[in-house]
Amino acid sequence: MTTKGLDLKLPQVLTTYIIINLSRVRFEGHIASIIGDLVGIHTMNLSHNGLEGLIPASLHQLSALESLDLSSYKIGGEIPQQLASLTFLAALNLSHNHLIG
């Protein structure tokens, strides 16, 4: 991910966090498929950033995910069917994007 001209790598330690709120931090680029490696996440808010492209199918690996907010992006394409396998997902916000499905 890129923010303010800096390339950021997700450190390995993030696999132990329960809540990630990175809304409005001006990320740009694509959502990296490595995001699926953050298997301990329960809540993820990446809303209101400049990310574009597709929602990575690897999100289905976040089996403990209860809340996902990817609203107000520039993402498009189809909503991955794999998200239906997230049995604990109670809140999903994909509004204000260019998605189909």
PDB file of N, CA and C in Angstrom:
ATOM      1  N   MET A   1       0.839  -1.160   0.000  1.00  0.00           N
ATOM      2  CA  MET A   1       0.000   0.000   0.000  1.00  0.00           C
ATOM      3  C   MET A   1       0.892   1.232   0.000  1.00  0.00           C
ATOM      4  N   THR A   2       0.383   2.339  -0.534  1.00  0.00           N
ATOM      5  CA  THR A   2       1.141   3.575  -0.594  1.00  0.00           C
ATOM      6  C   THR A   2       0.358   4.679   0.091  1.00  0.00           C
ATOM      7  N   THR A   3       1.002   5.439   0.930  1.00  0.00           N
ATOM      8  CA  THR A   3       0.383   6.605   1.548  1.00  0.00           C
ATOM      9  C   THR A   3       1.382   7.747   1.556  1.00  0.00           C
ATOM     10  N   LYS A   4       0.956   8.877   1.090  1.00  0.00           N
ATOM     11  CA  LYS A   4       1.787  10.087   1.055  1.00  0.00           C
ATOM     12  C   LYS A   4       3.138   9.816   0.414  1.00  0.00           C
ATOM     13  N   GLY A   5       3.157   9.021  -0.641  1.00  0.00           N
ATOM     14  CA  GLY A   5       4.373   8.734  -1.373  1.00  0.00           C
ATOM     15  C   GLY A   5       5.260   7.661  -0.774  1.00  0.00           C
ATOM     16  N   LEU A   6       4.867   7.080   0.336  1.00  0.00           N
ATOM     17  CA  LEU A   6       5.672   6.043   0.979  1.00  0.00           C
ATOM     18  C   LEU A   6       5.070   4.676   0.717  1.00  0.00           C
ATOM     19  N   ASP A   7       5.889   3.732   0.319  1.00  0.00           N
ATOM     20  CA  ASP A   7       5.429   2.354   0.171  1.00  0.00           C
ATOM     21  C   ASP A   7       5.461   1.696   1.538  1.00  0.00           C
ATOM     22  N   LEU A   8       4.330   1.139   1.941  1.00  0.00           N
ATOM     23  CA  LEU A   8       4.239   0.505   3.251  1.00  0.00           C
ATOM     24  C   LEU A   8       4.090  -0.995   3.098  1.00  0.00           C
ATOM     25  N   LYS A   9       4.778  -1.723   3.907  1.00  0.00           N
ATOM     26  CA  LYS A   9       4.649  -3.177   3.955  1.00  0.00           C
ATOM     27  C   LYS A   9       3.941  -3.528   5.255  1.00  0.00           C
ATOM     28  N   LEU A  10       3.031  -4.497   5.219  1.00  0.00           N
ATOM     29  CA  LEU A  10       2.346  -4.931   6.427  1.00  0.00           C
ATOM     30  C   LEU A  10       3.289  -5.809   7.233  1.00  0.00           C
ATOM     31  N   PRO A  11       3.652  -5.379   8.443  1.00  0.00           N
ATOM     32  CA  PRO A  11       4.563  -6.199   9.245  1.00  0.00           C
ATOM     33  C   PRO A  11       3.914  -7.496   9.696  1.00  0.00           C
ATOM     34  N   GLN A  12       4.719  -8.495   9.920  1.00  0.00           N
ATOM     35  CA  GLN A  12       4.236  -9.811  10.331  1.00  0.00           C
ATOM     36  C   GLN A  12       3.460  -9.748  11.638  1.00  0.00           C
ATOM     37  N   VAL A  13       3.777  -8.813  12.522  1.00  0.00           N
ATOM     38  CA  VAL A  13       3.140  -8.730  13.832  1.00  0.00           C
ATOM     39  C   VAL A  13       1.637  -8.474  13.727  1.00  0.00           C
ATOM     40  N   LEU A  14       1.155  -7.943  12.626  1.00  0.00           N
ATOM     41  CA  LEU A  14      -0.265  -7.644  12.492  1.00  0.00           C
ATOM     42  C   LEU A  14      -1.152  -8.881  12.537  1.00  0.00           C
ATOM     43  N   THR A  15      -0.598 -10.045  12.430  1.00  0.00           N
ATOM     44  CA  THR A  15      -1.426 -11.249  12.478  1.00  0.00           C
ATOM     45  C   THR A  15      -2.035 -11.484  13.855  1.00  0.00           C
ATOM     46  N   THR A  16      -1.604 -10.750  14.877  1.00  0.00           N
ATOM     47  CA  THR A  16      -2.128 -10.945  16.223  1.00  0.00           C
ATOM     48  C   THR A  16      -3.133  -9.876  16.642  1.00  0.00           C
ATOM     49  N   TYR A  17      -3.373  -8.861  15.852  1.00  0.00           N
ATOM     50  CA  TYR A  17      -4.300  -7.791  16.199  1.00  0.00           C
ATOM     51  C   TYR A  17      -5.740  -8.238  16.005  1.00  0.00           C
ATOM     52  N   ILE A  18      -6.637  -7.671  16.798  1.00  0.00           N
ATOM     53  CA  ILE A  18      -8.049  -8.006  16.691  1.00  0.00           C
ATOM     54  C   ILE A  18      -8.805  -6.942  15.908  1.00  0.00           C
ATOM     55  N   ILE A  19      -8.448  -5.662  16.087  1.00  0.00           N
ATOM     56  CA  ILE A  19      -9.132  -4.553  15.419  1.00  0.00           C
ATOM     57  C   ILE A  19      -8.106  -3.736  14.644  1.00  0.00           C
ATOM     58  N   ILE A  20      -8.420  -3.457  13.383  1.00  0.00           N
ATOM     59  CA  ILE A  20      -7.597  -2.561  12.576  1.00  0.00           C
ATOM     60  C   ILE A  20      -8.507  -1.469  12.036  1.00  0.00           C
ATOM     61  N   ASN A  21      -8.179  -0.219  12.364  1.00  0.00           N
ATOM     62  CA  ASN A  21      -8.911   0.925  11.839  1.00  0.00           C
ATOM     63  C   ASN A  21      -7.909   1.825  11.135  1.00  0.00           C
ATOM     64  N   LEU A  22      -7.887   1.734   9.822  1.00  0.00           N
ATOM     65  CA  LEU A  22      -7.001   2.547   8.993  1.00  0.00           C
ATOM     66  C   LEU A  22      -7.829   3.415   8.051  1.00  0.00           C
ATOM     67  N   SER A  23      -8.963   3.890   8.530  1.00  0.00           N
ATOM     68  CA  SER A  23      -9.807   4.743   7.701  1.00  0.00           C
ATOM     69  C   SER A  23      -9.189   6.135   7.589  1.00  0.00           C
ATOM     70  N   ARG A  24      -9.371   6.728   6.434  1.00  0.00           N
ATOM     71  CA  ARG A  24      -8.946   8.107   6.152  1.00  0.00           C
ATOM     72  C   ARG A  24      -7.444   8.347   6.325  1.00  0.00           C
ATOM     73  N   VAL A  25      -6.620   7.375   5.986  1.00  0.00           N
ATOM     74  CA  VAL A  25      -5.169   7.571   6.069  1.00  0.00           C
ATOM     75  C   VAL A  25      -4.543   7.794   4.694  1.00  0.00           C
ATOM     76  N   ARG A  26      -5.375   7.948   3.693  1.00  0.00           N
ATOM     77  CA  ARG A  26      -4.948   8.293   2.326  1.00  0.00           C
ATOM     78  C   ARG A  26      -4.099   7.224   1.654  1.00  0.00           C
ATOM     79  N   PHE A  27      -4.443   5.958   1.890  1.00  0.00           N
ATOM     80  CA  PHE A  27      -3.796   4.889   1.148  1.00  0.00           C
ATOM     81  C   PHE A  27      -4.161   5.017  -0.322  1.00  0.00           C
ATOM     82  N   GLU A  28      -3.238   4.645  -1.191  1.00  0.00           N
ATOM     83  CA  GLU A  28      -3.480   4.609  -2.631  1.00  0.00           C
ATOM     84  C   GLU A  28      -2.947   3.291  -3.170  1.00  0.00           C
ATOM     85  N   GLY A  29      -3.434   2.914  -4.348  1.00  0.00           N
ATOM     86  CA  GLY A  29      -2.992   1.676  -4.967  1.00  0.00           C
ATOM     87  C   GLY A  29      -4.046   0.604  -4.836  1.00  0.00           C
ATOM     88  N   HIS A  30      -3.625  -0.649  -4.836  1.00  0.00           N
ATOM     89  CA  HIS A  30      -4.536  -1.787  -4.751  1.00  0.00           C
ATOM     90  C   HIS A  30      -4.489  -2.400  -3.355  1.00  0.00           C
ATOM     91  N   ILE A  31      -5.565  -3.088  -3.003  1.00  0.00           N
ATOM     92  CA  ILE A  31      -5.581  -3.841  -1.754  1.00  0.00           C
ATOM     93  C   ILE A  31      -4.768  -5.108  -2.003  1.00  0.00           C
ATOM     94  N   ALA A  32      -3.697  -5.281  -1.276  1.00  0.00           N
ATOM     95  CA  ALA A  32      -2.807  -6.424  -1.483  1.00  0.00           C
ATOM     96  C   ALA A  32      -3.476  -7.719  -1.035  1.00  0.00           C
ATOM     97  N   SER A  33      -3.266  -8.786  -1.788  1.00  0.00           N
ATOM     98  CA  SER A  33      -3.867 -10.075  -1.435  1.00  0.00           C
ATOM     99  C   SER A  33      -3.318 -10.620  -0.121  1.00  0.00           C
ATOM    100  N   ILE A  34      -2.171 -10.120   0.314  1.00  0.00           N
ATOM    101  CA  ILE A  34      -1.585 -10.551   1.586  1.00  0.00           C
ATOM    102  C   ILE A  34      -2.489 -10.187   2.764  1.00  0.00           C
ATOM    103  N   ILE A  35      -3.458  -9.332   2.535  1.00  0.00           N
ATOM    104  CA  ILE A  35      -4.398  -8.957   3.597  1.00  0.00           C
ATOM    105  C   ILE A  35      -5.107 -10.188   4.156  1.00  0.00           C
ATOM    106  N   GLY A  36      -5.213 -11.226   3.368  1.00  0.00           N
ATOM    107  CA  GLY A  36      -5.823 -12.471   3.818  1.00  0.00           C
ATOM    108  C   GLY A  36      -5.002 -13.217   4.857  1.00  0.00           C
ATOM    109  N   ASP A  37      -3.754 -12.782   5.070  1.00  0.00           N
ATOM    110  CA  ASP A  37      -2.898 -13.413   6.077  1.00  0.00           C
ATOM    111  C   ASP A  37      -3.171 -12.900   7.490  1.00  0.00           C
ATOM    112  N   LEU A  38      -3.988 -11.877   7.628  1.00  0.00           N
ATOM    113  CA  LEU A  38      -4.284 -11.284   8.938  1.00  0.00           C
ATOM    114  C   LEU A  38      -5.419 -12.043   9.604  1.00  0.00           C
ATOM    115  N   VAL A  39      -5.211 -13.317   9.831  1.00  0.00           N
ATOM    116  CA  VAL A  39      -6.288 -14.232  10.216  1.00  0.00           C
ATOM    117  C   VAL A  39      -6.898 -13.974  11.587  1.00  0.00           C
ATOM    118  N   GLY A  40      -6.254 -13.222  12.461  1.00  0.00           N
ATOM    119  CA  GLY A  40      -6.799 -12.962  13.787  1.00  0.00           C
ATOM    120  C   GLY A  40      -7.717 -11.757  13.866  1.00  0.00           C
ATOM    121  N   ILE A  41      -7.915 -11.075  12.756  1.00  0.00           N
ATOM    122  CA  ILE A  41      -8.699  -9.837  12.740  1.00  0.00           C
ATOM    123  C   ILE A  41     -10.180 -10.120  12.972  1.00  0.00           C
ATOM    124  N   HIS A  42     -10.788  -9.319  13.848  1.00  0.00           N
ATOM    125  CA  HIS A  42     -12.230  -9.396  14.073  1.00  0.00           C
ATOM    126  C   HIS A  42     -12.943  -8.211  13.433  1.00  0.00           C
ATOM    127  N   THR A  43     -12.297  -7.038  13.436  1.00  0.00           N
ATOM    128  CA  THR A  43     -12.877  -5.824  12.865  1.00  0.00           C
ATOM    129  C   THR A  43     -11.839  -5.159  11.983  1.00  0.00           C
ATOM    130  N   MET A  44     -12.225  -4.826  10.742  1.00  0.00           N
ATOM    131  CA  MET A  44     -11.321  -4.148   9.825  1.00  0.00           C
ATOM    132  C   MET A  44     -12.055  -2.986   9.172  1.00  0.00           C
ATOM    133  N   ASN A  45     -11.509  -1.780   9.350  1.00  0.00           N
ATOM    134  CA  ASN A  45     -12.073  -0.586   8.737  1.00  0.00           C
ATOM    135  C   ASN A  45     -10.984   0.064   7.898  1.00  0.00           C
ATOM    136  N   LEU A  46     -11.130  -0.015   6.595  1.00  0.00           N
ATOM    137  CA  LEU A  46     -10.199   0.608   5.657  1.00  0.00           C
ATOM    138  C   LEU A  46     -10.916   1.650   4.807  1.00  0.00           C
ATOM    139  N   SER A  47     -12.004   2.184   5.313  1.00  0.00           N
ATOM    140  CA  SER A  47     -12.864   3.078   4.535  1.00  0.00           C
ATOM    141  C   SER A  47     -12.205   4.429   4.253  1.00  0.00           C
ATOM    142  N   HIS A  48     -12.763   5.108   3.254  1.00  0.00           N
ATOM    143  CA  HIS A  48     -12.368   6.473   2.884  1.00  0.00           C
ATOM    144  C   HIS A  48     -10.877   6.588   2.564  1.00  0.00           C
ATOM    145  N   ASN A  49     -10.399   5.715   1.717  1.00  0.00           N
ATOM    146  CA  ASN A  49      -9.032   5.769   1.224  1.00  0.00           C
ATOM    147  C   ASN A  49      -9.064   5.800  -0.300  1.00  0.00           C
ATOM    148  N   GLY A  50      -7.916   5.951  -0.919  1.00  0.00           N
ATOM    149  CA  GLY A  50      -7.835   6.030  -2.366  1.00  0.00           C
ATOM    150  C   GLY A  50      -7.511   4.710  -3.034  1.00  0.00           C
ATOM    151  N   LEU A  51      -7.780   3.607  -2.359  1.00  0.00           N
ATOM    152  CA  LEU A  51      -7.485   2.303  -2.943  1.00  0.00           C
ATOM    153  C   LEU A  51      -8.436   2.005  -4.088  1.00  0.00           C
ATOM    154  N   GLU A  52      -7.945   1.275  -5.063  1.00  0.00           N
ATOM    155  CA  GLU A  52      -8.746   0.961  -6.242  1.00  0.00           C
ATOM    156  C   GLU A  52      -8.507  -0.482  -6.647  1.00  0.00           C
ATOM    157  N   GLY A  53      -9.161  -0.888  -7.704  1.00  0.00           N
ATOM    158  CA  GLY A  53      -9.006  -2.256  -8.184  1.00  0.00           C
ATOM    159  C   GLY A  53     -10.118  -3.141  -7.680  1.00  0.00           C
ATOM    160  N   LEU A  54      -9.787  -4.391  -7.404  1.00  0.00           N
ATOM    161  CA  LEU A  54     -10.764  -5.395  -6.990  1.00  0.00           C
ATOM    162  C   LEU A  54     -10.612  -5.714  -5.505  1.00  0.00           C
ATOM    163  N   ILE A  55     -11.686  -6.246  -4.924  1.00  0.00           N
ATOM    164  CA  ILE A  55     -11.607  -6.766  -3.562  1.00  0.00           C
ATOM    165  C   ILE A  55     -10.877  -8.103  -3.645  1.00  0.00           C
ATOM    166  N   PRO A  56      -9.785  -8.276  -2.910  1.00  0.00           N
ATOM    167  CA  PRO A  56      -9.051  -9.539  -2.993  1.00  0.00           C
ATOM    168  C   PRO A  56      -9.882 -10.719  -2.488  1.00  0.00           C
ATOM    169  N   ALA A  57      -9.894 -11.790  -3.242  1.00  0.00           N
ATOM    170  CA  ALA A  57     -10.609 -12.999  -2.821  1.00  0.00           C
ATOM    171  C   ALA A  57      -9.998 -13.573  -1.550  1.00  0.00           C
ATOM    172  N   SER A  58      -8.748 -13.210  -1.247  1.00  0.00           N
ATOM    173  CA  SER A  58      -8.078 -13.735  -0.052  1.00  0.00           C
ATOM    174  C   SER A  58      -8.745 -13.279   1.242  1.00  0.00           C
ATOM    175  N   LEU A  59      -9.651 -12.310   1.185  1.00  0.00           N
ATOM    176  CA  LEU A  59     -10.361 -11.876   2.393  1.00  0.00           C
ATOM    177  C   LEU A  59     -11.153 -13.016   3.025  1.00  0.00           C
ATOM    178  N   HIS A  60     -11.504 -14.028   2.240  1.00  0.00           N
ATOM    179  CA  HIS A  60     -12.270 -15.150   2.802  1.00  0.00           C
ATOM    180  C   HIS A  60     -11.463 -15.928   3.847  1.00  0.00           C
ATOM    181  N   GLN A  61     -10.155 -15.723   3.881  1.00  0.00           N
ATOM    182  CA  GLN A  61      -9.305 -16.395   4.861  1.00  0.00           C
ATOM    183  C   GLN A  61      -9.447 -15.790   6.263  1.00  0.00           C
ATOM    184  N   LEU A  62     -10.073 -14.626   6.369  1.00  0.00           N
ATOM    185  CA  LEU A  62     -10.242 -13.957   7.661  1.00  0.00           C
ATOM    186  C   LEU A  62     -11.458 -14.541   8.362  1.00  0.00           C
ATOM    187  N   SER A  63     -11.354 -15.775   8.764  1.00  0.00           N
ATOM    188  CA  SER A  63     -12.504 -16.537   9.259  1.00  0.00           C
ATOM    189  C   SER A  63     -13.091 -15.999  10.558  1.00  0.00           C
ATOM    190  N   ALA A  64     -12.352 -15.186  11.316  1.00  0.00           N
ATOM    191  CA  ALA A  64     -12.867 -14.612  12.564  1.00  0.00           C
ATOM    192  C   ALA A  64     -13.491 -13.234  12.354  1.00  0.00           C
ATOM    193  N   LEU A  65     -13.474 -12.742  11.109  1.00  0.00           N
ATOM    194  CA  LEU A  65     -13.936 -11.382  10.818  1.00  0.00           C
ATOM    195  C   LEU A  65     -15.419 -11.210  11.128  1.00  0.00           C
ATOM    196  N   GLU A  66     -15.726 -10.190  11.929  1.00  0.00           N
ATOM    197  CA  GLU A  66     -17.105  -9.877  12.301  1.00  0.00           C
ATOM    198  C   GLU A  66     -17.603  -8.604  11.637  1.00  0.00           C
ATOM    199  N   SER A  67     -16.685  -7.684  11.315  1.00  0.00           N
ATOM    200  CA  SER A  67     -17.066  -6.405  10.720  1.00  0.00           C
ATOM    201  C   SER A  67     -16.016  -5.996   9.693  1.00  0.00           C
ATOM    202  N   LEU A  68     -16.473  -5.645   8.488  1.00  0.00           N
ATOM    203  CA  LEU A  68     -15.585  -5.227   7.405  1.00  0.00           C
ATOM    204  C   LEU A  68     -16.157  -3.979   6.757  1.00  0.00           C
ATOM    205  N   ASP A  69     -15.368  -2.908   6.724  1.00  0.00           N
ATOM    206  CA  ASP A  69     -15.794  -1.652   6.103  1.00  0.00           C
ATOM    207  C   ASP A  69     -14.789  -1.266   5.033  1.00  0.00           C
ATOM    208  N   LEU A  70     -15.200  -1.390   3.784  1.00  0.00           N
ATOM    209  CA  LEU A  70     -14.403  -0.977   2.630  1.00  0.00           C
ATOM    210  C   LEU A  70     -15.149   0.109   1.861  1.00  0.00           C
ATOM    211  N   SER A  71     -15.916   0.919   2.554  1.00  0.00           N
ATOM    212  CA  SER A  71     -16.744   1.935   1.904  1.00  0.00           C
ATOM    213  C   SER A  71     -15.909   3.123   1.427  1.00  0.00           C
ATOM    214  N   SER A  72     -16.475   3.838   0.462  1.00  0.00           N
ATOM    215  CA  SER A  72     -15.890   5.074  -0.068  1.00  0.00           C
ATOM    216  C   SER A  72     -14.483   4.864  -0.614  1.00  0.00           C
ATOM    217  N   TYR A  73     -14.356   3.888  -1.467  1.00  0.00           N
ATOM    218  CA  TYR A  73     -13.122   3.565  -2.176  1.00  0.00           C
ATOM    219  C   TYR A  73     -13.326   3.856  -3.651  1.00  0.00           C
ATOM    220  N   LYS A  74     -12.406   3.380  -4.435  1.00  0.00           N
ATOM    221  CA  LYS A  74     -12.528   3.401  -5.885  1.00  0.00           C
ATOM    222  C   LYS A  74     -12.503   1.968  -6.403  1.00  0.00           C
ATOM    223  N   ILE A  75     -12.924   1.017  -5.563  1.00  0.00           N
ATOM    224  CA  ILE A  75     -12.875  -0.378  -5.977  1.00  0.00           C
ATOM    225  C   ILE A  75     -14.052  -0.709  -6.878  1.00  0.00           C
ATOM    226  N   GLY A  76     -13.842  -1.661  -7.748  1.00  0.00           N
ATOM    227  CA  GLY A  76     -14.874  -2.049  -8.694  1.00  0.00           C
ATOM    228  C   GLY A  76     -14.873  -3.546  -8.905  1.00  0.00           C
ATOM    229  N   GLY A  77     -15.606  -3.962  -9.922  1.00  0.00           N
ATOM    230  CA  GLY A  77     -15.698  -5.381 -10.226  1.00  0.00           C
ATOM    231  C   GLY A  77     -16.764  -6.057  -9.398  1.00  0.00           C
ATOM    232  N   GLU A  78     -16.694  -7.371  -9.364  1.00  0.00           N
ATOM    233  CA  GLU A  78     -17.684  -8.152  -8.628  1.00  0.00           C
ATOM    234  C   GLU A  78     -17.270  -8.333  -7.174  1.00  0.00           C
ATOM    235  N   ILE A  79     -18.276  -8.437  -6.317  1.00  0.00           N
ATOM    236  CA  ILE A  79     -18.032  -8.764  -4.916  1.00  0.00           C
ATOM    237  C   ILE A  79     -17.653 -10.244  -4.875  1.00  0.00           C
ATOM    238  N   PRO A  80     -16.493 -10.581  -4.319  1.00  0.00           N
ATOM    239  CA  PRO A  80     -16.068 -11.989  -4.313  1.00  0.00           C
ATOM    240  C   PRO A  80     -17.068 -12.889  -3.593  1.00  0.00           C
ATOM    241  N   GLN A  81     -17.458 -13.969  -4.245  1.00  0.00           N
ATOM    242  CA  GLN A  81     -18.394 -14.916  -3.640  1.00  0.00           C
ATOM    243  C   GLN A  81     -17.805 -15.569  -2.395  1.00  0.00           C
ATOM    244  N   GLN A  82     -16.485 -15.589  -2.302  1.00  0.00           N
ATOM    245  CA  GLN A  82     -15.824 -16.197  -1.154  1.00  0.00           C
ATOM    246  C   GLN A  82     -16.172 -15.487   0.156  1.00  0.00           C
ATOM    247  N   LEU A  83     -16.613 -14.224   0.083  1.00  0.00           N
ATOM    248  CA  LEU A  83     -16.985 -13.503   1.304  1.00  0.00           C
ATOM    249  C   LEU A  83     -18.161 -14.174   2.009  1.00  0.00           C
ATOM    250  N   ALA A  84     -18.951 -14.934   1.271  1.00  0.00           N
ATOM    251  CA  ALA A  84     -20.090 -15.642   1.869  1.00  0.00           C
ATOM    252  C   ALA A  84     -19.634 -16.707   2.863  1.00  0.00           C
ATOM    253  N   SER A  85     -18.380 -17.117   2.800  1.00  0.00           N
ATOM    254  CA  SER A  85     -17.880 -18.133   3.732  1.00  0.00           C
ATOM    255  C   SER A  85     -17.488 -17.548   5.089  1.00  0.00           C
ATOM    256  N   LEU A  86     -17.567 -16.230   5.233  1.00  0.00           N
ATOM    257  CA  LEU A  86     -17.230 -15.583   6.506  1.00  0.00           C
ATOM    258  C   LEU A  86     -18.432 -15.680   7.436  1.00  0.00           C
ATOM    259  N   THR A  87     -18.527 -16.773   8.158  1.00  0.00           N
ATOM    260  CA  THR A  87     -19.725 -17.078   8.944  1.00  0.00           C
ATOM    261  C   THR A  87     -19.925 -16.160  10.141  1.00  0.00           C
ATOM    262  N   PHE A  88     -18.882 -15.492  10.628  1.00  0.00           N
ATOM    263  CA  PHE A  88     -19.025 -14.574  11.759  1.00  0.00           C
ATOM    264  C   PHE A  88     -19.289 -13.141  11.311  1.00  0.00           C
ATOM    265  N   LEU A  89     -19.233 -12.882  10.002  1.00  0.00           N
ATOM    266  CA  LEU A  89     -19.391 -11.521   9.491  1.00  0.00           C
ATOM    267  C   LEU A  89     -20.811 -11.019   9.744  1.00  0.00           C
ATOM    268  N   ALA A  90     -20.936 -10.005  10.606  1.00  0.00           N
ATOM    269  CA  ALA A  90     -22.241  -9.443  10.957  1.00  0.00           C
ATOM    270  C   ALA A  90     -22.456  -8.076  10.321  1.00  0.00           C
ATOM    271  N   ALA A  91     -21.371  -7.363   9.996  1.00  0.00           N
ATOM    272  CA  ALA A  91     -21.481  -6.027   9.402  1.00  0.00           C
ATOM    273  C   ALA A  91     -20.541  -5.934   8.208  1.00  0.00           C
ATOM    274  N   LEU A  92     -21.096  -5.577   7.059  1.00  0.00           N
ATOM    275  CA  LEU A  92     -20.323  -5.428   5.824  1.00  0.00           C
ATOM    276  C   LEU A  92     -20.745  -4.136   5.155  1.00  0.00           C
ATOM    277  N   ASN A  93     -19.797  -3.210   4.965  1.00  0.00           N
ATOM    278  CA  ASN A  93     -20.097  -1.942   4.309  1.00  0.00           C
ATOM    279  C   ASN A  93     -19.211  -1.807   3.082  1.00  0.00           C
ATOM    280  N   LEU A  94     -19.826  -1.901   1.920  1.00  0.00           N
ATOM    281  CA  LEU A  94     -19.132  -1.746   0.640  1.00  0.00           C
ATOM    282  C   LEU A  94     -19.712  -0.571  -0.143  1.00  0.00           C
ATOM    283  N   SER A  95     -20.413   0.313   0.530  1.00  0.00           N
ATOM    284  CA  SER A  95     -21.107   1.418  -0.137  1.00  0.00           C
ATOM    285  C   SER A  95     -20.130   2.420  -0.751  1.00  0.00           C
ATOM    286  N   HIS A  96     -20.635   3.177  -1.703  1.00  0.00           N
ATOM    287  CA  HIS A  96     -19.885   4.234  -2.392  1.00  0.00           C
ATOM    288  C   HIS A  96     -18.653   3.686  -3.102  1.00  0.00           C
ATOM    289  N   ASN A  97     -18.848   2.612  -3.840  1.00  0.00           N
ATOM    290  CA  ASN A  97     -17.836   1.997  -4.684  1.00  0.00           C
ATOM    291  C   ASN A  97     -18.462   1.738  -6.048  1.00  0.00           C
ATOM    292  N   HIS A  98     -17.761   1.062  -6.895  1.00  0.00           N
ATOM    293  CA  HIS A  98     -18.241   0.731  -8.239  1.00  0.00           C
ATOM    294  C   HIS A  98     -18.347  -0.781  -8.380  1.00  0.00           C
ATOM    295  N   LEU A  99     -19.069  -1.398  -7.461  1.00  0.00           N
ATOM    296  CA  LEU A  99     -19.163  -2.857  -7.406  1.00  0.00           C
ATOM    297  C   LEU A  99     -20.429  -3.371  -8.073  1.00  0.00           C
ATOM    298  N   ILE A 100     -20.348  -4.611  -8.542  1.00  0.00           N
ATOM    299  CA  ILE A 100     -21.526  -5.300  -9.068  1.00  0.00           C
ATOM    300  C   ILE A 100     -21.649  -6.637  -8.349  1.00  0.00           C
ATOM    301  N   GLY A 101     -22.880  -7.098  -8.232  1.00  0.00           N
ATOM    302  CA  GLY A 101     -23.086  -8.402  -7.603  1.00  0.00           C
ATOM    303  C   GLY A 101     -23.846  -8.320  -6.315  1.00  0.00           C
TER     304      GLY A 101
END
